[in-house]
N, C-alpha and C. Protein backbone atom coordinates (compact mmCIF):
# COMPACT_ATOMS: atom_id res chain seq x y z
N MET A 1 0.51 -1.23 -0.22
CA MET A 1 -0.28 -0.15 0.02
C MET A 1 0.83 1.45 0.17
N LYS A 2 0.53 2.11 -0.87
CA LYS A 2 1.04 3.46 -1.15
C LYS A 2 1.63 4.23 0.23
N ILE A 3 0.59 4.57 1.26
CA ILE A 3 1.04 4.90 1.80
C ILE A 3 1.95 3.99 3.34
N PHE A 4 1.50 2.70 3.13
CA PHE A 4 2.43 2.23 3.61
C PHE A 4 4.00 2.19 3.56
N ASN A 5 4.24 2.18 1.81
CA ASN A 5 5.61 2.53 1.47
C ASN A 5 6.48 3.79 2.21
N GLU A 6 5.52 4.82 1.86
CA GLU A 6 5.61 6.24 2.37
C GLU A 6 6.18 6.40 3.37
N PHE A 7 5.29 5.86 4.88
CA PHE A 7 6.04 5.95 5.91
C PHE A 7 7.44 4.94 6.13
N TYR A 8 7.18 4.20 5.43
CA TYR A 8 8.61 3.19 5.62
C TYR A 8 9.77 4.20 5.42
N ASN A 9 9.59 4.67 3.83
CA ASN A 9 10.73 5.25 3.16
C ASN A 9 11.05 6.18 3.98
N ASN A 10 10.44 7.03 4.72
CA ASN A 10 10.80 8.09 5.61
C ASN A 10 11.28 7.96 7.22
N ARG A 11 11.42 6.56 7.37
CA ARG A 11 12.14 5.84 8.89
C ARG A 11 13.37 6.67 8.74
N ASN A 12 13.52 6.61 10.48
CA ASN A 12 14.69 7.95 10.73
C ASN A 12 15.07 6.84 12.10
N GLU A 13 16.15 5.63 12.23
CA GLU A 13 16.50 4.82 13.25
C GLU A 13 17.10 5.31 14.54
N GLU A 14 17.61 6.48 14.22
CA GLU A 14 18.01 7.23 15.67
C GLU A 14 16.60 7.39 16.36
N GLN A 15 15.72 8.24 16.25
CA GLN A 15 14.57 8.28 16.17
C GLN A 15 13.54 7.09 16.73
N ALA A 16 13.45 6.23 15.60
CA ALA A 16 12.67 4.55 16.37
C ALA A 16 13.74 4.21 17.89
N GLU A 17 14.81 4.37 17.67
CA GLU A 17 14.92 4.09 19.10
C GLU A 17 14.92 4.86 20.15
N ALA A 18 14.81 6.02 20.11
CA ALA A 18 14.18 6.46 21.58
C ALA A 18 13.18 6.53 21.70
N MET A 19 11.61 6.39 20.55
CA MET A 19 10.55 5.97 20.80
C MET A 19 9.95 4.83 21.43
N ALA A 20 10.94 3.88 21.10
CA ALA A 20 10.54 2.66 21.30
C ALA A 20 10.50 2.47 22.81
N LYS A 21 12.25 3.13 23.35
CA LYS A 21 12.60 3.32 24.48
C LYS A 21 11.31 4.13 25.25
N TYR A 22 10.83 5.17 24.82
CA TYR A 22 9.76 5.75 25.16
C TYR A 22 8.42 5.23 25.89
N MET A 23 8.39 3.72 24.76
CA MET A 23 7.14 3.09 25.12
C MET A 23 7.50 1.72 25.66
N LYS A 24 8.60 1.93 26.38
CA LYS A 24 9.34 0.49 27.23
C LYS A 24 9.85 -0.42 26.08
N ASN A 25 9.85 0.07 24.68
CA ASN A 25 10.26 -1.51 23.91
C ASN A 25 9.30 -2.20 23.77
N LEU A 26 7.85 -1.74 23.90
CA LEU A 26 6.60 -2.58 24.02
C LEU A 26 6.37 -2.55 22.72
N PHE A 27 6.72 -1.90 21.42
CA PHE A 27 6.56 -1.64 19.75
C PHE A 27 8.04 -1.66 19.07
N PRO A 28 8.13 -1.92 17.97
CA PRO A 28 9.32 -1.31 17.39
C PRO A 28 8.57 0.16 16.60
N PHE A 29 9.24 0.82 16.11
CA PHE A 29 9.29 2.20 15.44
C PHE A 29 9.89 2.46 13.95
N LEU A 30 9.18 3.26 13.69
CA LEU A 30 9.71 4.03 12.20
C LEU A 30 10.99 4.89 12.74
N GLY A 31 10.03 5.69 13.31
CA GLY A 31 11.08 6.72 13.73
C GLY A 31 10.36 8.06 13.01
N LEU A 32 8.92 8.44 13.16
CA LEU A 32 8.40 9.23 12.77
C LEU A 32 7.39 9.75 13.77
N LYS A 33 7.90 10.96 14.28
CA LYS A 33 7.31 12.34 14.99
C LYS A 33 6.12 12.06 14.45
N LYS A 34 4.99 12.78 15.57
CA LYS A 34 3.83 13.11 15.12
C LYS A 34 3.52 14.31 14.14
N PRO A 35 4.49 15.48 13.85
CA PRO A 35 4.18 16.36 12.96
C PRO A 35 4.43 15.88 11.25
N GLN A 36 5.56 14.95 11.52
CA GLN A 36 6.08 14.24 10.32
C GLN A 36 4.69 13.29 9.76
N ARG A 37 4.54 12.51 10.87
CA ARG A 37 3.92 11.52 10.55
C ARG A 37 2.18 12.26 10.06
N ALA A 38 1.92 12.99 10.51
CA ALA A 38 0.72 14.08 9.83
C ALA A 38 0.94 14.51 8.96
N SER A 39 2.64 15.10 8.28
CA SER A 39 2.43 15.70 6.87
C SER A 39 2.92 15.03 5.75
N ILE A 40 2.80 13.31 5.85
CA ILE A 40 3.06 11.94 5.26
C ILE A 40 1.83 12.06 4.67
N ALA A 41 0.71 12.41 6.02
CA ALA A 41 0.04 11.12 5.70
C ALA A 41 -1.76 12.39 5.73
N LYS A 42 -1.02 13.75 5.24
CA LYS A 42 -2.16 14.30 5.61
C LYS A 42 -3.30 14.18 3.66
N SER A 43 -2.27 13.79 2.57
CA SER A 43 -3.54 13.88 1.72
C SER A 43 -3.82 12.60 1.42
N PHE A 44 -3.28 11.81 1.92
CA PHE A 44 -3.86 10.35 2.14
C PHE A 44 -5.60 10.29 3.50
N LEU A 45 -5.09 10.91 4.48
CA LEU A 45 -6.52 11.15 5.33
C LEU A 45 -7.48 12.12 4.83
N LYS A 46 -6.72 13.11 3.55
CA LYS A 46 -7.77 14.26 3.17
C LYS A 46 -8.84 13.29 2.49
N GLU A 47 -8.46 12.75 1.82
CA GLU A 47 -8.68 11.52 0.84
C GLU A 47 -10.01 10.79 1.06
N ARG A 48 -9.34 9.80 2.22
CA ARG A 48 -10.11 8.87 3.07
C ARG A 48 -11.10 9.47 3.83
N LYS A 49 -11.24 10.97 4.16
CA LYS A 49 -11.73 11.62 5.09
C LYS A 49 -14.13 11.49 3.84
N GLU A 50 -13.39 10.99 2.77
CA GLU A 50 -14.50 11.30 1.78
C GLU A 50 -15.38 9.73 2.14
N ASP A 51 -14.84 8.92 2.61
CA ASP A 51 -15.07 7.25 2.40
C ASP A 51 -16.79 7.44 3.04
N THR A 52 -17.17 6.39 2.60
CA THR A 52 -18.86 6.22 2.94
C THR A 52 -19.38 5.19 3.66
N GLU A 53 -18.72 4.33 3.72
CA GLU A 53 -18.33 3.37 5.05
C GLU A 53 -16.91 3.40 5.81
N VAL A 54 -16.98 2.67 7.07
CA VAL A 54 -15.51 2.40 7.30
C VAL A 54 -14.70 1.20 7.40
N ASP A 55 -13.47 1.45 6.35
CA ASP A 55 -12.71 1.11 5.86
C ASP A 55 -11.94 -0.17 7.15
N TRP A 56 -12.65 -0.93 7.96
CA TRP A 56 -12.05 -2.39 8.40
C TRP A 56 -10.98 -3.13 7.77
N GLU A 57 -10.95 -3.30 6.73
CA GLU A 57 -9.84 -4.11 6.13
C GLU A 57 -8.46 -3.03 6.15
N PHE A 58 -8.70 -1.69 6.04
CA PHE A 58 -7.68 -0.94 6.06
C PHE A 58 -6.65 -0.66 7.81
N ILE A 59 -7.74 -0.64 8.83
CA ILE A 59 -7.75 -0.34 10.01
C ILE A 59 -6.97 -1.89 10.56
N GLY A 60 -7.66 -2.92 9.82
CA GLY A 60 -7.05 -4.02 10.36
C GLY A 60 -5.65 -4.44 9.73
N GLN A 61 -5.41 -4.27 8.75
CA GLN A 61 -3.94 -4.12 8.16
C GLN A 61 -3.12 -3.13 8.81
N CYS A 62 -3.13 -1.99 9.41
CA CYS A 62 -2.42 -1.04 10.07
C CYS A 62 -1.86 -1.66 11.58
N TYR A 63 -2.94 -2.47 11.79
CA TYR A 63 -2.51 -3.19 13.40
C TYR A 63 -1.91 -4.45 12.71
N GLU A 64 -1.81 -5.14 11.63
CA GLU A 64 -1.06 -5.98 11.52
C GLU A 64 0.55 -5.84 10.74
N MET A 65 0.70 -4.42 10.66
CA MET A 65 2.11 -3.93 10.41
C MET A 65 2.84 -4.36 12.11
N PRO A 66 3.96 -4.02 12.00
CA PRO A 66 4.81 -4.44 13.36
C PRO A 66 4.99 -2.72 14.00
N GLU A 67 5.76 -2.29 13.10
CA GLU A 67 5.97 -0.62 13.59
C GLU A 67 4.99 -0.35 14.01
N ARG A 68 4.96 0.55 15.03
CA ARG A 68 3.61 1.56 15.92
C ARG A 68 3.01 2.80 15.28
N GLU A 69 3.71 3.32 14.07
CA GLU A 69 2.93 4.27 13.42
C GLU A 69 2.30 3.93 12.91
N TYR A 70 2.01 2.98 12.16
CA TYR A 70 1.01 1.75 11.31
C TYR A 70 -0.49 1.67 12.55
N GLN A 71 0.02 1.49 13.67
CA GLN A 71 -1.82 1.63 14.35
C GLN A 71 -1.94 3.07 15.14
N TYR A 72 -1.41 4.06 14.63
CA TYR A 72 -1.23 5.41 14.69
C TYR A 72 -2.03 5.87 13.54
N LEU A 73 -1.53 5.52 12.43
CA LEU A 73 -2.63 5.46 11.12
C LEU A 73 -3.92 5.11 11.48
N ALA A 74 -3.94 4.29 11.78
CA ALA A 74 -5.05 3.64 11.96
C ALA A 74 -6.14 4.61 12.75
N ILE A 75 -5.94 4.78 13.86
CA ILE A 75 -6.23 6.01 14.62
C ILE A 75 -6.56 7.14 13.95
N ASP A 76 -5.46 7.85 13.57
CA ASP A 76 -6.16 8.76 12.74
C ASP A 76 -6.84 8.72 11.57
N TYR A 77 -7.00 7.67 10.60
CA TYR A 77 -7.93 6.97 10.16
C TYR A 77 -9.45 7.06 10.69
N MET A 78 -9.46 6.51 11.63
CA MET A 78 -10.85 6.46 12.63
C MET A 78 -11.77 7.94 12.72
N ASN A 79 -10.46 8.75 13.23
CA ASN A 79 -11.07 10.17 13.76
C ASN A 79 -11.53 10.72 12.22
N LYS A 80 -10.92 10.47 11.25
CA LYS A 80 -11.23 11.72 10.43
C LYS A 80 -12.88 11.06 9.72
N VAL A 81 -13.31 9.56 9.37
CA VAL A 81 -14.57 8.67 9.58
C VAL A 81 -15.56 8.82 10.73
N ILE A 82 -15.24 9.52 12.09
CA ILE A 82 -15.69 9.10 13.08
C ILE A 82 -17.04 8.89 13.01
N ASP A 83 -18.09 9.81 12.38
CA ASP A 83 -19.05 10.17 12.16
C ASP A 83 -20.09 8.71 11.74
N LEU A 84 -18.94 8.43 10.96
CA LEU A 84 -19.46 6.73 10.09
C LEU A 84 -19.51 5.87 10.94
N PHE A 85 -18.94 5.58 12.25
CA PHE A 85 -19.16 4.70 13.51
C PHE A 85 -20.42 4.45 14.20
N THR A 86 -21.18 3.29 13.84
CA THR A 86 -22.14 3.24 14.58
C THR A 86 -22.28 2.07 15.83
N SER A 87 -23.28 1.98 16.60
CA SER A 87 -23.02 0.61 17.84
C SER A 87 -22.48 -0.81 17.07
N ASP A 88 -23.11 -0.73 15.76
CA ASP A 88 -22.75 -1.99 15.41
C ASP A 88 -20.92 -2.38 15.34
N ASP A 89 -20.12 -1.17 15.15
CA ASP A 89 -19.11 -1.60 15.31
C ASP A 89 -18.06 -1.87 16.50
N MET A 90 -18.31 -1.50 17.54
CA MET A 90 -18.20 -1.76 18.82
C MET A 90 -17.31 -2.89 18.91
N LEU A 91 -17.72 -4.23 18.07
CA LEU A 91 -17.19 -5.29 18.70
C LEU A 91 -15.73 -5.37 18.51
N GLN A 92 -15.45 -4.62 16.76
CA GLN A 92 -14.52 -4.43 16.59
C GLN A 92 -13.46 -3.25 16.73
N ILE A 93 -13.72 -2.52 17.50
CA ILE A 93 -13.30 -1.31 18.39
C ILE A 93 -12.83 -2.25 19.64
N GLU A 94 -13.67 -3.14 20.31
CA GLU A 94 -12.73 -3.46 21.48
C GLU A 94 -11.83 -4.79 20.89
N GLY A 95 -11.67 -5.27 19.88
CA GLY A 95 -11.11 -5.90 19.09
C GLY A 95 -9.51 -5.13 18.95
N LEU A 96 -9.78 -3.97 18.52
CA LEU A 96 -8.33 -2.98 18.72
C LEU A 96 -8.05 -2.31 19.75
N VAL A 97 -8.94 -2.08 21.30
CA VAL A 97 -8.56 -2.08 22.11
C VAL A 97 -7.95 -2.98 23.04
N ILE A 98 -8.19 -3.86 22.62
CA ILE A 98 -6.87 -5.39 23.44
C ILE A 98 -5.58 -5.88 22.74
N THR A 99 -5.57 -5.27 21.17
CA THR A 99 -4.67 -5.82 20.87
C THR A 99 -3.63 -4.44 20.42
N LYS A 100 -2.52 -5.11 20.90
CA LYS A 100 -1.28 -4.24 20.88
C LYS A 100 -1.57 -2.86 21.78
N SER A 101 -1.98 -3.59 22.56
CA SER A 101 -2.85 -2.24 23.72
C SER A 101 -1.49 -1.51 24.54
N TRP A 102 -1.72 -0.48 24.48
CA TRP A 102 -1.06 0.44 25.73
C TRP A 102 -1.66 2.19 25.76
N TRP A 103 -1.23 2.93 26.78
CA TRP A 103 -1.94 4.07 26.65
C TRP A 103 -2.02 4.46 25.66
N ASP A 104 -1.06 4.98 24.85
CA ASP A 104 -0.56 5.87 23.82
C ASP A 104 -2.06 5.12 22.52
N SER A 105 -2.36 3.91 22.82
CA SER A 105 -3.55 3.98 21.30
C SER A 105 -4.85 3.84 22.33
N VAL A 106 -4.91 3.42 23.27
CA VAL A 106 -6.08 2.89 24.39
C VAL A 106 -6.87 4.41 24.28
N ASP A 107 -6.07 5.66 25.06
CA ASP A 107 -6.78 7.16 25.27
C ASP A 107 -7.72 7.36 24.02
N GLU A 108 -6.31 7.38 22.63
CA GLU A 108 -7.38 7.69 21.83
C GLU A 108 -8.73 7.02 21.32
N ILE A 109 -8.72 5.80 21.33
CA ILE A 109 -9.48 4.98 21.09
C ILE A 109 -10.68 5.50 21.86
N SER A 110 -10.55 5.93 23.12
CA SER A 110 -11.55 6.20 24.07
C SER A 110 -12.09 7.35 23.86
N LYS A 111 -11.54 8.23 22.78
CA LYS A 111 -12.31 9.36 22.75
C LYS A 111 -13.46 9.37 21.12
N ILE A 112 -12.77 7.97 20.71
CA ILE A 112 -13.61 7.72 19.66
C ILE A 112 -14.96 6.93 20.50
N VAL A 113 -14.39 5.81 21.10
CA VAL A 113 -15.99 5.29 22.20
C VAL A 113 -16.62 6.17 22.68
N GLY A 114 -16.25 7.20 23.05
CA GLY A 114 -16.88 8.63 23.47
C GLY A 114 -17.95 9.06 22.86
N HIS A 115 -17.21 9.93 21.67
CA HIS A 115 -17.99 10.21 20.31
C HIS A 115 -19.47 8.84 19.87
N ILE A 116 -18.89 8.14 19.93
CA ILE A 116 -20.21 6.91 19.16
C ILE A 116 -21.14 7.00 20.52
N THR A 117 -20.64 6.43 21.57
CA THR A 117 -21.95 6.43 22.78
C THR A 117 -22.28 7.70 22.92
N MET A 118 -22.37 8.73 22.67
CA MET A 118 -22.76 10.22 22.69
C MET A 118 -24.15 10.17 21.68
N LYS A 119 -23.59 9.85 20.28
CA LYS A 119 -24.61 9.11 19.66
C LYS A 119 -25.73 8.52 19.48
N TYR A 120 -24.72 7.28 20.11
CA TYR A 120 -25.84 5.86 20.09
C TYR A 120 -25.49 5.55 21.78
N PRO A 121 -26.60 5.97 23.03
CA PRO A 121 -26.51 5.95 24.02
C PRO A 121 -26.50 4.84 24.64
N GLU A 122 -27.17 3.11 23.67
CA GLU A 122 -27.47 2.47 24.08
C GLU A 122 -25.83 1.56 24.29
N VAL A 123 -25.11 1.87 23.83
CA VAL A 123 -23.52 1.36 23.66
C VAL A 123 -23.35 1.11 25.11
N LYS A 124 -23.64 2.43 26.34
CA LYS A 124 -23.31 2.58 27.17
C LYS A 124 -23.70 1.47 28.04
N GLU A 125 -24.70 0.62 28.18
CA GLU A 125 -25.58 -0.40 28.66
C GLU A 125 -25.01 -1.72 28.17
N ASP A 126 -25.05 -1.77 26.40
CA ASP A 126 -24.59 -2.84 25.94
C ASP A 126 -23.19 -2.80 25.56
N THR A 127 -22.23 -2.48 26.11
CA THR A 127 -20.45 -2.68 25.49
C THR A 127 -20.05 -2.08 26.89
N ILE A 128 -20.41 -0.85 26.90
CA ILE A 128 -19.59 -0.47 27.95
C ILE A 128 -19.61 -0.92 29.46
N SER A 129 -20.82 -0.68 30.00
CA SER A 129 -21.22 -1.50 31.02
C SER A 129 -20.28 -2.97 31.51
N LYS A 130 -20.07 -3.60 30.76
CA LYS A 130 -19.71 -4.92 30.56
C LYS A 130 -17.88 -4.50 30.81
N TRP A 131 -17.74 -3.36 29.85
CA TRP A 131 -16.27 -2.86 30.17
C TRP A 131 -15.45 -2.82 31.39
N ILE A 132 -16.67 -2.68 32.08
CA ILE A 132 -16.54 -2.03 33.98
C ILE A 132 -15.58 -3.39 34.20
N LYS A 133 -16.31 -4.84 33.96
CA LYS A 133 -16.02 -5.29 35.31
C LYS A 133 -15.43 -6.81 34.25
N SER A 134 -14.32 -6.28 32.76
CA SER A 134 -13.53 -7.01 32.16
C SER A 134 -12.45 -7.61 32.96
N ASP A 135 -11.58 -8.33 32.71
CA ASP A 135 -10.45 -8.68 32.96
C ASP A 135 -8.91 -8.11 32.75
N ASN A 136 -9.67 -7.28 31.27
CA ASN A 136 -8.45 -6.10 30.43
C ASN A 136 -8.48 -4.84 31.32
N ILE A 137 -7.08 -4.56 31.64
CA ILE A 137 -7.64 -3.55 32.34
C ILE A 137 -7.61 -2.40 31.15
N TRP A 138 -7.36 -2.44 29.94
CA TRP A 138 -7.44 -1.44 28.67
C TRP A 138 -8.88 -1.03 28.62
N LEU A 139 -9.89 -2.20 28.77
CA LEU A 139 -11.29 -1.87 28.60
C LEU A 139 -11.78 -1.11 30.11
N VAL A 140 -11.05 -1.86 31.15
CA VAL A 140 -12.26 -1.09 32.37
C VAL A 140 -11.62 0.58 31.92
N ARG A 141 -10.06 0.98 31.99
CA ARG A 141 -10.19 1.84 31.75
C ARG A 141 -10.46 2.75 30.51
N ILE A 142 -11.22 2.60 29.85
CA ILE A 142 -12.18 3.29 28.79
C ILE A 142 -13.36 2.86 29.49
N SER A 143 -13.68 2.36 30.68
CA SER A 143 -15.23 2.16 30.95
C SER A 143 -15.32 3.52 31.87
N ILE A 144 -14.30 3.52 32.17
CA ILE A 144 -13.94 5.19 33.04
C ILE A 144 -13.50 6.47 32.54
N ILE A 145 -13.05 6.71 31.45
CA ILE A 145 -12.49 7.84 31.12
C ILE A 145 -13.01 8.18 29.60
N TYR A 146 -13.83 7.30 29.32
CA TYR A 146 -14.60 7.84 28.39
C TYR A 146 -15.27 8.96 28.19
N GLN A 147 -16.02 8.90 29.30
CA GLN A 147 -16.80 10.29 29.53
C GLN A 147 -15.64 12.04 29.47
N LEU A 148 -14.46 11.61 29.38
CA LEU A 148 -13.52 13.18 29.55
C LEU A 148 -14.21 14.59 29.08
N LYS A 149 -14.92 14.38 28.03
CA LYS A 149 -15.32 15.86 27.67
C LYS A 149 -16.49 16.03 27.38
N TYR A 150 -17.54 14.77 28.10
CA TYR A 150 -19.12 15.29 28.21
C TYR A 150 -19.69 16.37 29.19
N LYS A 151 -18.77 17.00 29.94
CA LYS A 151 -18.66 17.81 30.97
C LYS A 151 -20.32 17.70 31.59
N ASP A 152 -21.46 18.81 31.48
CA ASP A 152 -22.42 19.04 31.91
C ASP A 152 -23.59 17.20 31.69
N ASN A 153 -22.76 16.77 30.40
CA ASN A 153 -23.51 15.44 30.14
C ASN A 153 -22.80 14.05 30.67
N THR A 154 -22.14 14.54 31.66
CA THR A 154 -21.41 13.42 32.38
C THR A 154 -22.51 12.40 33.19
N ASP A 155 -22.32 11.23 33.05
CA ASP A 155 -23.64 10.27 33.55
C ASP A 155 -22.59 9.69 34.60
N THR A 156 -23.16 10.65 35.90
CA THR A 156 -22.29 10.60 37.16
C THR A 156 -22.57 9.25 38.01
N GLU A 157 -23.99 9.18 37.71
CA GLU A 157 -23.78 7.55 38.31
C GLU A 157 -23.05 6.21 37.90
N PHE A 158 -23.28 6.58 36.27
CA PHE A 158 -22.27 5.54 35.44
C PHE A 158 -20.57 5.64 36.12
N LEU A 159 -20.38 6.72 35.90
CA LEU A 159 -18.95 6.97 36.18
C LEU A 159 -18.98 6.36 37.82
N SER A 160 -19.73 6.45 38.85
CA SER A 160 -19.10 6.31 40.29
C SER A 160 -19.42 4.45 40.07
N LYS A 161 -20.51 4.46 39.19
CA LYS A 161 -20.38 2.28 39.14
C LYS A 161 -18.74 2.41 38.80
N ALA A 162 -18.49 2.63 37.69
CA ALA A 162 -17.03 2.32 36.82
C ALA A 162 -15.94 2.24 38.23
N ILE A 163 -16.38 3.62 38.55
CA ILE A 163 -14.92 3.91 39.79
C ILE A 163 -14.69 3.09 40.73
N LEU A 164 -15.89 2.95 41.22
CA LEU A 164 -16.01 1.59 42.46
C LEU A 164 -15.98 0.48 42.17
N TYR A 165 -16.36 -0.34 41.12
CA TYR A 165 -16.24 -1.65 41.03
C TYR A 165 -14.52 -1.39 40.92
N ASN A 166 -13.84 -1.09 40.40
CA ASN A 166 -12.66 -0.67 40.17
C ASN A 166 -11.46 -0.16 41.06
N SER A 167 -11.93 0.45 42.03
CA SER A 167 -11.38 1.51 42.76
C SER A 167 -9.79 0.45 43.69
N LYS A 168 -10.54 -0.85 43.97
CA LYS A 168 -9.12 -1.49 44.78
C LYS A 168 -8.44 -1.86 44.44
N THR A 169 -8.05 -1.81 43.35
CA THR A 169 -7.17 -2.66 42.69
C THR A 169 -5.80 -1.56 42.55
N ASP A 170 -4.75 -2.34 42.24
CA ASP A 170 -3.17 -1.70 42.58
C ASP A 170 -2.85 -1.29 40.72
N GLU A 171 -3.71 -1.60 40.05
CA GLU A 171 -3.19 -1.36 38.70
C GLU A 171 -3.02 -0.13 38.11
N PHE A 172 -1.60 0.37 38.03
CA PHE A 172 -1.52 1.70 37.58
C PHE A 172 -2.84 2.48 36.67
N PHE A 173 -2.46 1.70 35.32
CA PHE A 173 -3.55 1.90 34.36
C PHE A 173 -5.02 3.00 34.86
N ILE A 174 -5.22 1.98 35.55
CA ILE A 174 -6.73 2.24 36.36
C ILE A 174 -6.56 3.33 37.47
N ASN A 175 -6.16 2.96 38.33
CA ASN A 175 -5.83 4.37 39.11
C ASN A 175 -6.25 5.86 38.84
N LYS A 176 -5.21 5.72 37.64
CA LYS A 176 -3.94 6.86 37.02
C LYS A 176 -5.57 7.13 36.28
N GLY A 177 -6.72 6.49 35.54
CA GLY A 177 -7.45 6.87 34.98
C GLY A 177 -9.07 7.01 35.93
N ILE A 178 -9.09 7.06 37.19
CA ILE A 178 -9.99 7.35 38.01
C ILE A 178 -9.64 8.87 38.47
N GLY A 179 -8.66 9.12 38.85
CA GLY A 179 -8.08 9.93 38.89
C GLY A 179 -8.07 11.55 38.31
N TRP A 180 -7.83 11.04 36.60
CA TRP A 180 -8.04 11.65 35.57
C TRP A 180 -9.31 12.15 35.13
N ALA A 181 -10.36 10.85 35.14
CA ALA A 181 -12.04 11.22 35.19
C ALA A 181 -12.12 12.40 36.12
N LEU A 182 -11.95 11.87 37.23
CA LEU A 182 -12.07 13.09 38.33
C LEU A 182 -11.73 14.49 38.34
N ARG A 183 -11.17 14.13 37.60
CA ARG A 183 -10.30 15.70 37.73
C ARG A 183 -10.68 16.77 36.26
N GLU A 184 -11.28 16.22 35.61
CA GLU A 184 -11.81 16.19 34.21
C GLU A 184 -13.31 16.81 34.88
N TYR A 185 -13.63 15.81 35.26
CA TYR A 185 -14.91 16.47 35.68
C TYR A 185 -15.28 17.12 36.85
N SER A 186 -13.79 17.60 37.59
CA SER A 186 -14.21 18.65 38.50
C SER A 186 -14.17 19.94 38.22
N LYS A 187 -13.51 20.08 36.55
CA LYS A 187 -13.55 21.26 35.83
C LYS A 187 -15.00 22.03 35.73
N THR A 188 -15.90 20.68 35.57
CA THR A 188 -17.71 21.01 35.80
C THR A 188 -18.05 20.92 36.34
N ASN A 189 -17.98 20.21 37.86
CA ASN A 189 -18.83 20.03 38.84
C ASN A 189 -17.77 19.55 40.01
N LYS A 190 -17.08 20.60 40.90
CA LYS A 190 -15.89 20.70 42.12
C LYS A 190 -16.63 20.04 42.83
N LYS A 191 -18.14 20.31 43.11
CA LYS A 191 -18.62 20.02 44.99
C LYS A 191 -19.05 18.55 44.71
N TRP A 192 -19.23 18.07 43.40
CA TRP A 192 -19.54 16.65 43.21
C TRP A 192 -18.48 15.82 43.21
N VAL A 193 -17.26 16.06 42.90
CA VAL A 193 -16.13 15.57 42.88
C VAL A 193 -15.64 15.27 43.96
N ARG A 194 -15.80 16.84 44.63
CA ARG A 194 -15.11 16.72 46.36
C ARG A 194 -15.81 15.77 47.03
N ASP A 195 -17.19 15.88 46.98
CA ASP A 195 -17.62 14.69 47.96
C ASP A 195 -17.47 13.33 47.66
N PHE A 196 -17.53 13.23 46.50
CA PHE A 196 -17.22 11.75 45.93
C PHE A 196 -15.52 11.26 46.47
N ILE A 197 -14.86 12.03 46.80
CA ILE A 197 -13.52 11.82 46.85
C ILE A 197 -13.40 11.89 48.63
N LYS A 198 -14.28 12.61 48.99
CA LYS A 198 -14.41 12.60 50.35
C LYS A 198 -15.26 11.29 51.13
N ASN A 199 -16.52 10.65 50.10
CA ASN A 199 -16.75 9.81 50.70
C ASN A 199 -16.90 8.47 50.42
N ASN A 200 -15.95 8.28 49.18
CA ASN A 200 -15.26 7.08 48.64
C ASN A 200 -13.88 6.36 49.03
N GLN A 201 -13.74 5.40 49.31
CA GLN A 201 -12.10 4.93 49.69
C GLN A 201 -11.43 4.94 48.48
N LEU A 202 -10.57 5.88 47.85
CA LEU A 202 -9.48 5.58 46.68
C LEU A 202 -8.54 5.49 46.61
N SER A 203 -7.58 5.25 46.02
CA SER A 203 -5.85 4.86 45.92
C SER A 203 -5.58 6.21 45.92
N LYS A 204 -4.27 6.61 46.69
CA LYS A 204 -3.45 7.94 46.74
C LYS A 204 -3.11 8.51 45.63
N LEU A 205 -3.18 7.73 44.58
CA LEU A 205 -2.79 7.80 42.92
C LEU A 205 -4.32 8.83 42.49
N SER A 206 -5.37 8.36 42.70
CA SER A 206 -6.52 8.64 42.34
C SER A 206 -7.10 9.73 42.95
N ILE A 207 -6.81 9.77 44.31
CA ILE A 207 -6.79 10.87 45.02
C ILE A 207 -6.45 12.24 44.87
N ARG A 208 -4.98 11.99 44.35
CA ARG A 208 -3.92 13.00 44.08
C ARG A 208 -4.44 13.96 42.64
N GLU A 209 -4.55 12.59 41.71
CA GLU A 209 -4.99 12.86 40.59
C GLU A 209 -6.15 13.69 40.53
N GLY A 210 -7.03 13.53 41.07
CA GLY A 210 -8.75 13.90 40.99
C GLY A 210 -8.63 14.87 41.77
N SER A 211 -7.85 15.77 42.59
CA SER A 211 -7.94 16.63 43.34
C SER A 211 -7.09 17.66 43.21
N LYS A 212 -6.45 17.66 41.95
CA LYS A 212 -5.63 18.93 41.35
C LYS A 212 -6.57 20.33 41.26
N TYR A 213 -8.15 20.03 40.88
CA TYR A 213 -8.61 21.63 40.36
C TYR A 213 -9.33 21.99 41.60
N ILE A 214 -9.62 21.27 42.56
CA ILE A 214 -10.72 20.90 43.93
C ILE A 214 -10.08 21.56 45.50
């Protein structure tokens, strides 16, 4: 595929080593930093924005590629066609979340999940409520943070359920996600967050992160 070749032909081994190290050497990198990656993909993504249905084959190909920049390309594509996603796509999105998982991909996919769920509220009960109790930490993390940009539309009952079901874990990325969700919602409703932290047993990390603006 042409865009894959363009990425590969612009690889930078020195940068690739540093980028892989930053991500704890979980993935190989081409060494394309975000501005360069965006520049290379600009015309491709502009053209693909005109898609009339989600190209899951392309997304799958990106996830099969070893270098991390290809997964970033898939997510960039998903953001370009974000309004094409429906509740029917959630099973495949779940597959992406649990594939080559780390915070960099998961947190970006979470934003897409938030967008879909705002449009299709049934996703909350049909899918995300199950993620709350998942054995996969990344699905749990999304169940906690997918409402980050919801502000006054935040379902605090659901947020409480997601947090409290998982609040006794030692898992860093879950506790960090709890703090992040509380911190973000405190910009909208400080009292709710203050009371929630006061009345519930949370990790020190979650409290520290959640209390930053209150």
